[in-house]
Amino acid sequence: MFKIEVANVNDIPVIQQLRDEIWRPTYKDLLTPEQIEYMLDMMYSTAALTSQITEKAHRFLLLYDDQRPIGFASYSTTDEAGVFKLQKIYLHSDYQGKGVGKLLLDNVVERVQAENGNTLELDVKRDNKARFFYEKQGFTILKEKDTDIGNGYWMLDYVMRRPL
């Protein structure tokens, strides 16, 4: 039985466990090992996650299959009225392609709508196959975005949006 729970700073070790199980394998063929380590530290260190939860008001959700954590998502408001940003959504590979990612995304959408959101936006690496999942869920490409993340690394993304 799947359940989704709101995460807080006490759940950071669970998010980091999922990071190690999901994020590294997802990006191993898309990024260099050095860039992976740089980005993991930048986005998933204890300090970075604490800041996201407590200062940047990212709402984190943990997805469980019974007691086993299998995925997570986070979202936040943006400067644009009614537009929320899907910051992260990751699912263990054993559960991909089985409707479980849609379950997690639908939960995010419900929460965004409850906060009067009318649009969900995300960034996805241009050569990440997850783009096709997002398209199936009603997202369309708004534009390309190249972001200098420091240390000589760039994120080459599509910005995608879905009306709610």
N, C-alpha and C. Protein backbone atom coordinates (compact mmCIF):
# COMPACT_ATOMS: atom_id res chain seq x y z
N MET A 1 0.84 -1.18 0.00
CA MET A 1 0.00 0.00 0.00
C MET A 1 0.88 1.24 0.00
N PHE A 2 0.60 2.15 -0.91
CA PHE A 2 1.39 3.37 -1.02
C PHE A 2 0.83 4.44 -0.09
N LYS A 3 1.74 5.21 0.48
CA LYS A 3 1.33 6.37 1.27
C LYS A 3 2.30 7.50 1.01
N ILE A 4 1.78 8.71 1.10
CA ILE A 4 2.58 9.92 0.88
C ILE A 4 2.51 10.75 2.15
N GLU A 5 3.68 11.13 2.64
CA GLU A 5 3.76 11.92 3.86
C GLU A 5 4.54 13.20 3.61
N VAL A 6 4.15 14.25 4.30
CA VAL A 6 4.89 15.50 4.26
C VAL A 6 6.18 15.30 5.05
N ALA A 7 7.29 15.71 4.47
CA ALA A 7 8.60 15.55 5.12
C ALA A 7 9.00 16.85 5.81
N ASN A 8 9.87 16.71 6.80
CA ASN A 8 10.44 17.88 7.47
C ASN A 8 11.93 17.62 7.67
N VAL A 9 12.61 18.49 8.40
CA VAL A 9 14.06 18.35 8.55
C VAL A 9 14.45 17.02 9.19
N ASN A 10 13.57 16.43 9.98
CA ASN A 10 13.88 15.13 10.59
C ASN A 10 13.95 14.01 9.55
N ASP A 11 13.39 14.26 8.37
CA ASP A 11 13.37 13.25 7.31
C ASP A 11 14.53 13.40 6.33
N ILE A 12 15.42 14.33 6.57
CA ILE A 12 16.55 14.54 5.66
C ILE A 12 17.35 13.26 5.43
N PRO A 13 17.63 12.43 6.45
CA PRO A 13 18.36 11.18 6.17
C PRO A 13 17.62 10.26 5.19
N VAL A 14 16.29 10.25 5.23
CA VAL A 14 15.51 9.43 4.29
C VAL A 14 15.65 9.99 2.88
N ILE A 15 15.57 11.32 2.75
CA ILE A 15 15.74 11.95 1.44
C ILE A 15 17.13 11.65 0.90
N GLN A 16 18.14 11.70 1.76
CA GLN A 16 19.51 11.42 1.32
C GLN A 16 19.70 9.95 0.95
N GLN A 17 19.02 9.06 1.65
CA GLN A 17 19.07 7.64 1.28
C GLN A 17 18.48 7.46 -0.12
N LEU A 18 17.34 8.09 -0.36
CA LEU A 18 16.72 8.00 -1.69
C LEU A 18 17.59 8.66 -2.75
N ARG A 19 18.24 9.76 -2.39
CA ARG A 19 19.19 10.42 -3.31
C ARG A 19 20.22 9.40 -3.79
N ASP A 20 20.78 8.66 -2.85
CA ASP A 20 21.83 7.70 -3.21
C ASP A 20 21.28 6.55 -4.05
N GLU A 21 20.06 6.12 -3.76
CA GLU A 21 19.47 4.99 -4.48
C GLU A 21 18.93 5.38 -5.85
N ILE A 22 18.51 6.63 -6.01
CA ILE A 22 17.81 7.05 -7.23
C ILE A 22 18.63 8.03 -8.06
N TRP A 23 19.14 9.08 -7.45
CA TRP A 23 19.74 10.19 -8.20
C TRP A 23 20.99 9.75 -8.95
N ARG A 24 21.89 9.08 -8.27
CA ARG A 24 23.14 8.66 -8.92
C ARG A 24 22.87 7.79 -10.15
N PRO A 25 22.08 6.70 -10.01
CA PRO A 25 21.81 5.88 -11.20
C PRO A 25 21.09 6.64 -12.32
N THR A 26 20.23 7.58 -11.95
CA THR A 26 19.49 8.35 -12.95
C THR A 26 20.42 9.18 -13.83
N TYR A 27 21.45 9.76 -13.22
CA TYR A 27 22.30 10.70 -13.94
C TYR A 27 23.66 10.15 -14.35
N LYS A 28 23.95 8.89 -14.04
CA LYS A 28 25.29 8.35 -14.31
C LYS A 28 25.67 8.39 -15.79
N ASP A 29 24.69 8.29 -16.68
CA ASP A 29 24.98 8.34 -18.12
C ASP A 29 24.77 9.74 -18.71
N LEU A 30 24.33 10.69 -17.89
CA LEU A 30 24.04 12.04 -18.37
C LEU A 30 25.05 13.08 -17.90
N LEU A 31 25.72 12.80 -16.78
CA LEU A 31 26.67 13.76 -16.19
C LEU A 31 27.96 13.05 -15.83
N THR A 32 29.04 13.81 -15.73
CA THR A 32 30.30 13.22 -15.29
C THR A 32 30.21 12.90 -13.80
N PRO A 33 31.02 11.94 -13.32
CA PRO A 33 31.01 11.66 -11.87
C PRO A 33 31.32 12.89 -11.04
N GLU A 34 32.19 13.75 -11.54
CA GLU A 34 32.55 14.97 -10.80
C GLU A 34 31.35 15.92 -10.70
N GLN A 35 30.61 16.07 -11.80
CA GLN A 35 29.45 16.95 -11.76
C GLN A 35 28.36 16.37 -10.86
N ILE A 36 28.21 15.06 -10.88
CA ILE A 36 27.23 14.43 -9.99
C ILE A 36 27.55 14.75 -8.54
N GLU A 37 28.81 14.57 -8.15
CA GLU A 37 29.19 14.85 -6.76
C GLU A 37 28.99 16.32 -6.41
N TYR A 38 29.34 17.20 -7.33
CA TYR A 38 29.17 18.64 -7.11
C TYR A 38 27.69 18.97 -6.90
N MET A 39 26.83 18.44 -7.76
CA MET A 39 25.41 18.74 -7.68
C MET A 39 24.76 18.11 -6.45
N LEU A 40 25.20 16.90 -6.10
CA LEU A 40 24.65 16.27 -4.90
C LEU A 40 24.95 17.09 -3.67
N ASP A 41 26.17 17.60 -3.59
CA ASP A 41 26.53 18.44 -2.45
C ASP A 41 25.74 19.74 -2.47
N MET A 42 25.59 20.32 -3.66
CA MET A 42 24.89 21.60 -3.80
C MET A 42 23.40 21.47 -3.44
N MET A 43 22.78 20.35 -3.81
CA MET A 43 21.33 20.22 -3.66
C MET A 43 20.87 19.30 -2.53
N TYR A 44 21.74 18.36 -2.13
CA TYR A 44 21.28 17.32 -1.21
C TYR A 44 22.11 17.17 0.05
N SER A 45 23.05 18.06 0.29
CA SER A 45 23.76 18.00 1.57
C SER A 45 22.75 18.31 2.67
N THR A 46 23.09 17.97 3.89
CA THR A 46 22.19 18.26 5.01
C THR A 46 21.91 19.76 5.09
N ALA A 47 22.94 20.57 4.92
CA ALA A 47 22.75 22.03 4.97
C ALA A 47 21.85 22.51 3.84
N ALA A 48 22.05 21.99 2.63
CA ALA A 48 21.23 22.43 1.49
C ALA A 48 19.77 22.03 1.68
N LEU A 49 19.52 20.80 2.11
CA LEU A 49 18.14 20.36 2.32
C LEU A 49 17.48 21.12 3.46
N THR A 50 18.24 21.37 4.53
CA THR A 50 17.69 22.14 5.65
C THR A 50 17.27 23.52 5.17
N SER A 51 18.10 24.16 4.38
CA SER A 51 17.78 25.48 3.84
C SER A 51 16.55 25.43 2.94
N GLN A 52 16.47 24.42 2.10
CA GLN A 52 15.31 24.30 1.21
C GLN A 52 14.01 24.18 2.00
N ILE A 53 14.05 23.40 3.08
CA ILE A 53 12.85 23.16 3.88
C ILE A 53 12.52 24.35 4.77
N THR A 54 13.52 24.92 5.43
CA THR A 54 13.24 25.94 6.45
C THR A 54 13.29 27.37 5.94
N GLU A 55 14.13 27.65 4.96
CA GLU A 55 14.28 29.03 4.49
C GLU A 55 13.60 29.28 3.15
N LYS A 56 13.68 28.32 2.24
CA LYS A 56 13.12 28.51 0.90
C LYS A 56 11.69 28.00 0.78
N ALA A 57 11.18 27.41 1.85
CA ALA A 57 9.79 26.92 1.91
C ALA A 57 9.47 25.89 0.83
N HIS A 58 10.44 25.04 0.51
CA HIS A 58 10.14 23.91 -0.37
C HIS A 58 9.35 22.90 0.45
N ARG A 59 8.27 22.41 -0.11
CA ARG A 59 7.47 21.39 0.56
C ARG A 59 7.92 20.04 0.02
N PHE A 60 8.41 19.19 0.89
CA PHE A 60 8.88 17.86 0.50
C PHE A 60 7.84 16.81 0.84
N LEU A 61 7.67 15.86 -0.06
CA LEU A 61 6.79 14.73 0.15
C LEU A 61 7.60 13.45 0.00
N LEU A 62 7.34 12.50 0.88
CA LEU A 62 7.97 11.19 0.80
C LEU A 62 6.92 10.16 0.42
N LEU A 63 7.27 9.29 -0.52
CA LEU A 63 6.38 8.24 -0.98
C LEU A 63 6.89 6.91 -0.44
N TYR A 64 5.99 6.16 0.18
CA TYR A 64 6.34 4.87 0.77
C TYR A 64 5.51 3.75 0.14
N ASP A 65 6.13 2.59 0.03
CA ASP A 65 5.43 1.34 -0.26
C ASP A 65 5.48 0.57 1.06
N ASP A 66 4.37 0.54 1.77
CA ASP A 66 4.32 0.10 3.16
C ASP A 66 5.31 0.96 3.96
N GLN A 67 6.36 0.37 4.49
CA GLN A 67 7.32 1.15 5.29
C GLN A 67 8.56 1.55 4.50
N ARG A 68 8.66 1.07 3.25
CA ARG A 68 9.86 1.33 2.45
C ARG A 68 9.75 2.65 1.70
N PRO A 69 10.68 3.60 1.93
CA PRO A 69 10.67 4.83 1.14
C PRO A 69 11.09 4.51 -0.30
N ILE A 70 10.28 4.97 -1.27
CA ILE A 70 10.56 4.65 -2.67
C ILE A 70 10.65 5.87 -3.57
N GLY A 71 10.35 7.04 -3.04
CA GLY A 71 10.43 8.23 -3.87
C GLY A 71 10.17 9.49 -3.07
N PHE A 72 10.40 10.62 -3.73
CA PHE A 72 10.14 11.90 -3.08
C PHE A 72 9.89 12.96 -4.13
N ALA A 73 9.27 14.03 -3.68
CA ALA A 73 9.03 15.19 -4.53
C ALA A 73 9.15 16.43 -3.65
N SER A 74 9.43 17.55 -4.29
CA SER A 74 9.35 18.83 -3.59
C SER A 74 8.84 19.88 -4.58
N TYR A 75 8.15 20.86 -4.00
CA TYR A 75 7.61 21.94 -4.82
C TYR A 75 7.62 23.22 -4.00
N SER A 76 7.49 24.35 -4.69
CA SER A 76 7.51 25.64 -4.01
C SER A 76 6.74 26.67 -4.84
N THR A 77 6.48 27.80 -4.22
CA THR A 77 5.89 28.91 -4.95
C THR A 77 6.97 29.54 -5.83
N THR A 78 6.53 30.40 -6.73
CA THR A 78 7.46 31.19 -7.55
C THR A 78 7.07 32.66 -7.39
N ASP A 79 7.79 33.53 -8.05
CA ASP A 79 7.47 34.95 -8.02
C ASP A 79 6.24 35.28 -8.87
N GLU A 80 5.83 34.34 -9.70
CA GLU A 80 4.69 34.55 -10.59
C GLU A 80 3.42 34.03 -9.93
N ALA A 81 2.42 34.87 -9.79
CA ALA A 81 1.17 34.50 -9.12
C ALA A 81 0.56 33.25 -9.73
N GLY A 82 0.21 32.29 -8.88
CA GLY A 82 -0.45 31.07 -9.32
C GLY A 82 0.47 30.00 -9.87
N VAL A 83 1.74 30.31 -10.07
CA VAL A 83 2.69 29.36 -10.64
C VAL A 83 3.53 28.76 -9.52
N PHE A 84 3.53 27.44 -9.46
CA PHE A 84 4.35 26.70 -8.52
C PHE A 84 5.42 25.95 -9.30
N LYS A 85 6.53 25.67 -8.63
CA LYS A 85 7.62 24.95 -9.29
C LYS A 85 7.78 23.57 -8.67
N LEU A 86 7.77 22.56 -9.52
CA LEU A 86 8.11 21.21 -9.09
C LEU A 86 9.63 21.17 -9.05
N GLN A 87 10.18 21.23 -7.86
CA GLN A 87 11.63 21.29 -7.69
C GLN A 87 12.29 19.93 -7.94
N LYS A 88 11.63 18.88 -7.44
CA LYS A 88 12.21 17.54 -7.53
C LYS A 88 11.08 16.52 -7.56
N ILE A 89 11.27 15.47 -8.33
CA ILE A 89 10.41 14.30 -8.23
C ILE A 89 11.25 13.11 -8.69
N TYR A 90 11.44 12.18 -7.79
CA TYR A 90 12.27 11.00 -8.07
C TYR A 90 11.60 9.77 -7.52
N LEU A 91 11.70 8.69 -8.28
CA LEU A 91 11.07 7.43 -7.94
C LEU A 91 12.06 6.30 -8.17
N HIS A 92 12.10 5.38 -7.23
CA HIS A 92 12.97 4.22 -7.34
C HIS A 92 12.68 3.50 -8.66
N SER A 93 13.71 3.05 -9.35
CA SER A 93 13.55 2.46 -10.69
C SER A 93 12.63 1.24 -10.69
N ASP A 94 12.55 0.51 -9.59
CA ASP A 94 11.67 -0.67 -9.51
C ASP A 94 10.20 -0.29 -9.70
N TYR A 95 9.87 0.96 -9.46
CA TYR A 95 8.48 1.40 -9.49
C TYR A 95 8.14 2.25 -10.70
N GLN A 96 9.13 2.56 -11.52
CA GLN A 96 8.88 3.39 -12.69
C GLN A 96 8.09 2.62 -13.74
N GLY A 97 7.22 3.33 -14.45
CA GLY A 97 6.42 2.71 -15.51
C GLY A 97 5.22 1.95 -14.99
N LYS A 98 4.87 2.12 -13.72
CA LYS A 98 3.77 1.37 -13.11
C LYS A 98 2.67 2.28 -12.55
N GLY A 99 2.72 3.56 -12.91
CA GLY A 99 1.70 4.49 -12.44
C GLY A 99 1.99 5.11 -11.09
N VAL A 100 3.10 4.74 -10.48
CA VAL A 100 3.41 5.24 -9.13
C VAL A 100 3.93 6.68 -9.20
N GLY A 101 4.71 7.00 -10.22
CA GLY A 101 5.17 8.38 -10.40
C GLY A 101 4.00 9.32 -10.63
N LYS A 102 3.02 8.85 -11.39
CA LYS A 102 1.81 9.64 -11.62
C LYS A 102 1.08 9.87 -10.31
N LEU A 103 1.03 8.86 -9.46
CA LEU A 103 0.40 8.99 -8.14
C LEU A 103 1.06 10.11 -7.34
N LEU A 104 2.39 10.14 -7.34
CA LEU A 104 3.12 11.16 -6.59
C LEU A 104 2.90 12.54 -7.22
N LEU A 105 2.98 12.62 -8.53
CA LEU A 105 2.77 13.90 -9.21
C LEU A 105 1.34 14.40 -8.99
N ASP A 106 0.36 13.51 -9.06
CA ASP A 106 -1.03 13.91 -8.82
C ASP A 106 -1.20 14.47 -7.41
N ASN A 107 -0.48 13.91 -6.45
CA ASN A 107 -0.55 14.42 -5.08
C ASN A 107 0.01 15.83 -5.00
N VAL A 108 1.12 16.07 -5.70
CA VAL A 108 1.69 17.42 -5.75
C VAL A 108 0.66 18.38 -6.37
N VAL A 109 0.05 17.97 -7.47
CA VAL A 109 -0.93 18.82 -8.15
C VAL A 109 -2.09 19.16 -7.21
N GLU A 110 -2.59 18.17 -6.48
CA GLU A 110 -3.69 18.43 -5.53
C GLU A 110 -3.27 19.46 -4.48
N ARG A 111 -2.07 19.33 -3.97
CA ARG A 111 -1.58 20.26 -2.95
C ARG A 111 -1.40 21.67 -3.52
N VAL A 112 -0.89 21.74 -4.74
CA VAL A 112 -0.71 23.05 -5.40
C VAL A 112 -2.07 23.70 -5.63
N GLN A 113 -3.03 22.93 -6.10
CA GLN A 113 -4.37 23.48 -6.32
C GLN A 113 -5.00 23.95 -5.01
N ALA A 114 -4.74 23.22 -3.92
CA ALA A 114 -5.27 23.62 -2.61
C ALA A 114 -4.67 24.94 -2.14
N GLU A 115 -3.51 25.29 -2.69
CA GLU A 115 -2.86 26.57 -2.37
C GLU A 115 -3.14 27.62 -3.46
N ASN A 116 -4.19 27.37 -4.24
CA ASN A 116 -4.63 28.28 -5.30
C ASN A 116 -3.65 28.40 -6.46
N GLY A 117 -2.86 27.36 -6.67
CA GLY A 117 -1.98 27.33 -7.83
C GLY A 117 -2.76 26.95 -9.07
N ASN A 118 -2.39 27.55 -10.20
CA ASN A 118 -3.06 27.22 -11.46
C ASN A 118 -2.09 26.71 -12.53
N THR A 119 -0.79 26.69 -12.20
CA THR A 119 0.22 26.23 -13.14
C THR A 119 1.34 25.56 -12.37
N LEU A 120 1.83 24.45 -12.91
CA LEU A 120 2.99 23.78 -12.33
C LEU A 120 4.11 23.81 -13.37
N GLU A 121 5.27 24.26 -12.95
CA GLU A 121 6.43 24.42 -13.82
C GLU A 121 7.55 23.53 -13.30
N LEU A 122 8.41 23.09 -14.21
CA LEU A 122 9.58 22.31 -13.82
C LEU A 122 10.70 22.53 -14.81
N ASP A 123 11.90 22.19 -14.39
CA ASP A 123 13.07 22.16 -15.28
C ASP A 123 13.47 20.70 -15.41
N VAL A 124 13.78 20.27 -16.63
CA VAL A 124 14.25 18.90 -16.84
C VAL A 124 15.42 18.95 -17.81
N LYS A 125 16.45 18.19 -17.48
CA LYS A 125 17.61 18.10 -18.36
C LYS A 125 17.14 17.68 -19.75
N ARG A 126 17.63 18.37 -20.75
CA ARG A 126 17.12 18.16 -22.11
C ARG A 126 17.24 16.73 -22.60
N ASP A 127 18.27 16.01 -22.17
CA ASP A 127 18.42 14.62 -22.64
C ASP A 127 17.99 13.60 -21.58
N ASN A 128 17.18 14.03 -20.63
CA ASN A 128 16.66 13.12 -19.60
C ASN A 128 15.35 12.51 -20.10
N LYS A 129 15.26 11.19 -20.07
CA LYS A 129 14.05 10.52 -20.56
C LYS A 129 12.82 10.86 -19.74
N ALA A 130 12.99 11.42 -18.55
CA ALA A 130 11.84 11.83 -17.73
C ALA A 130 10.98 12.86 -18.45
N ARG A 131 11.57 13.56 -19.40
CA ARG A 131 10.80 14.54 -20.18
C ARG A 131 9.55 13.90 -20.79
N PHE A 132 9.68 12.67 -21.24
CA PHE A 132 8.55 11.99 -21.88
C PHE A 132 7.45 11.68 -20.87
N PHE A 133 7.84 11.35 -19.63
CA PHE A 133 6.86 11.17 -18.56
C PHE A 133 6.09 12.47 -18.34
N TYR A 134 6.82 13.58 -18.27
CA TYR A 134 6.17 14.87 -18.04
C TYR A 134 5.22 15.22 -19.18
N GLU A 135 5.62 14.94 -20.40
CA GLU A 135 4.75 15.22 -21.54
C GLU A 135 3.47 14.39 -21.45
N LYS A 136 3.59 13.13 -21.03
CA LYS A 136 2.41 12.28 -20.86
C LYS A 136 1.49 12.81 -19.77
N GLN A 137 2.06 13.56 -18.84
CA GLN A 137 1.27 14.12 -17.73
C GLN A 137 0.75 15.52 -18.03
N GLY A 138 0.89 15.97 -19.27
CA GLY A 138 0.30 17.23 -19.68
C GLY A 138 1.23 18.43 -19.68
N PHE A 139 2.52 18.22 -19.42
CA PHE A 139 3.48 19.32 -19.47
C PHE A 139 3.90 19.57 -20.91
N THR A 140 4.14 20.82 -21.24
CA THR A 140 4.67 21.18 -22.55
C THR A 140 5.91 22.04 -22.35
N ILE A 141 6.78 22.01 -23.34
CA ILE A 141 8.02 22.78 -23.27
C ILE A 141 7.71 24.25 -23.49
N LEU A 142 8.13 25.07 -22.55
CA LEU A 142 7.96 26.52 -22.64
C LEU A 142 9.18 27.16 -23.29
N LYS A 143 10.37 26.70 -22.88
CA LYS A 143 11.61 27.27 -23.40
C LYS A 143 12.79 26.41 -22.97
N GLU A 144 13.95 26.71 -23.55
CA GLU A 144 15.21 26.12 -23.12
C GLU A 144 15.85 27.08 -22.13
N LYS A 145 16.58 26.51 -21.16
CA LYS A 145 17.25 27.33 -20.16
C LYS A 145 18.61 26.71 -19.86
N ASP A 146 19.66 27.50 -20.00
CA ASP A 146 21.02 27.07 -19.66
C ASP A 146 21.44 27.82 -18.40
N THR A 147 21.78 27.08 -17.35
CA THR A 147 22.10 27.68 -16.06
C THR A 147 23.52 27.33 -15.65
N ASP A 148 24.32 28.34 -15.39
CA ASP A 148 25.67 28.15 -14.86
C ASP A 148 25.51 27.86 -13.37
N ILE A 149 25.87 26.64 -12.95
CA ILE A 149 25.72 26.27 -11.55
C ILE A 149 27.03 26.34 -10.79
N GLY A 150 28.05 26.89 -11.44
CA GLY A 150 29.34 27.05 -10.77
C GLY A 150 30.29 25.92 -11.07
N ASN A 151 31.55 26.14 -10.73
CA ASN A 151 32.60 25.13 -10.88
C ASN A 151 32.76 24.66 -12.33
N GLY A 152 32.33 25.50 -13.28
CA GLY A 152 32.43 25.15 -14.70
C GLY A 152 31.32 24.26 -15.21
N TYR A 153 30.28 24.02 -14.40
CA TYR A 153 29.18 23.13 -14.79
C TYR A 153 27.95 23.93 -15.20
N TRP A 154 27.21 23.34 -16.13
CA TRP A 154 25.99 23.95 -16.63
C TRP A 154 24.85 22.94 -16.54
N MET A 155 23.65 23.46 -16.31
CA MET A 155 22.44 22.65 -16.44
C MET A 155 21.75 23.11 -17.71
N LEU A 156 21.58 22.19 -18.64
CA LEU A 156 20.97 22.46 -19.94
C LEU A 156 19.57 21.85 -19.92
N ASP A 157 18.59 22.68 -19.61
CA ASP A 157 17.24 22.19 -19.32
C ASP A 157 16.20 22.70 -20.29
N TYR A 158 15.06 22.01 -20.26
CA TYR A 158 13.81 22.54 -20.78
C TYR A 158 13.03 23.04 -19.58
N VAL A 159 12.39 24.17 -19.71
CA VAL A 159 11.38 24.61 -18.75
C VAL A 159 10.06 24.12 -19.31
N MET A 160 9.34 23.35 -18.50
CA MET A 160 8.06 22.80 -18.93
C MET A 160 6.96 23.31 -18.00
N ARG A 161 5.76 23.45 -18.54
CA ARG A 161 4.62 23.90 -17.74
C ARG A 161 3.40 23.05 -18.02
N ARG A 162 2.58 22.99 -16.98
CA ARG A 162 1.29 22.30 -17.08
C ARG A 162 0.22 23.17 -16.41
N PRO A 163 -0.82 23.52 -17.15
CA PRO A 163 -1.93 24.23 -16.50
C PRO A 163 -2.69 23.26 -15.60
N LEU A 164 -3.19 23.78 -14.49
CA LEU A 164 -3.92 22.92 -13.55
C LEU A 164 -5.41 23.24 -13.55
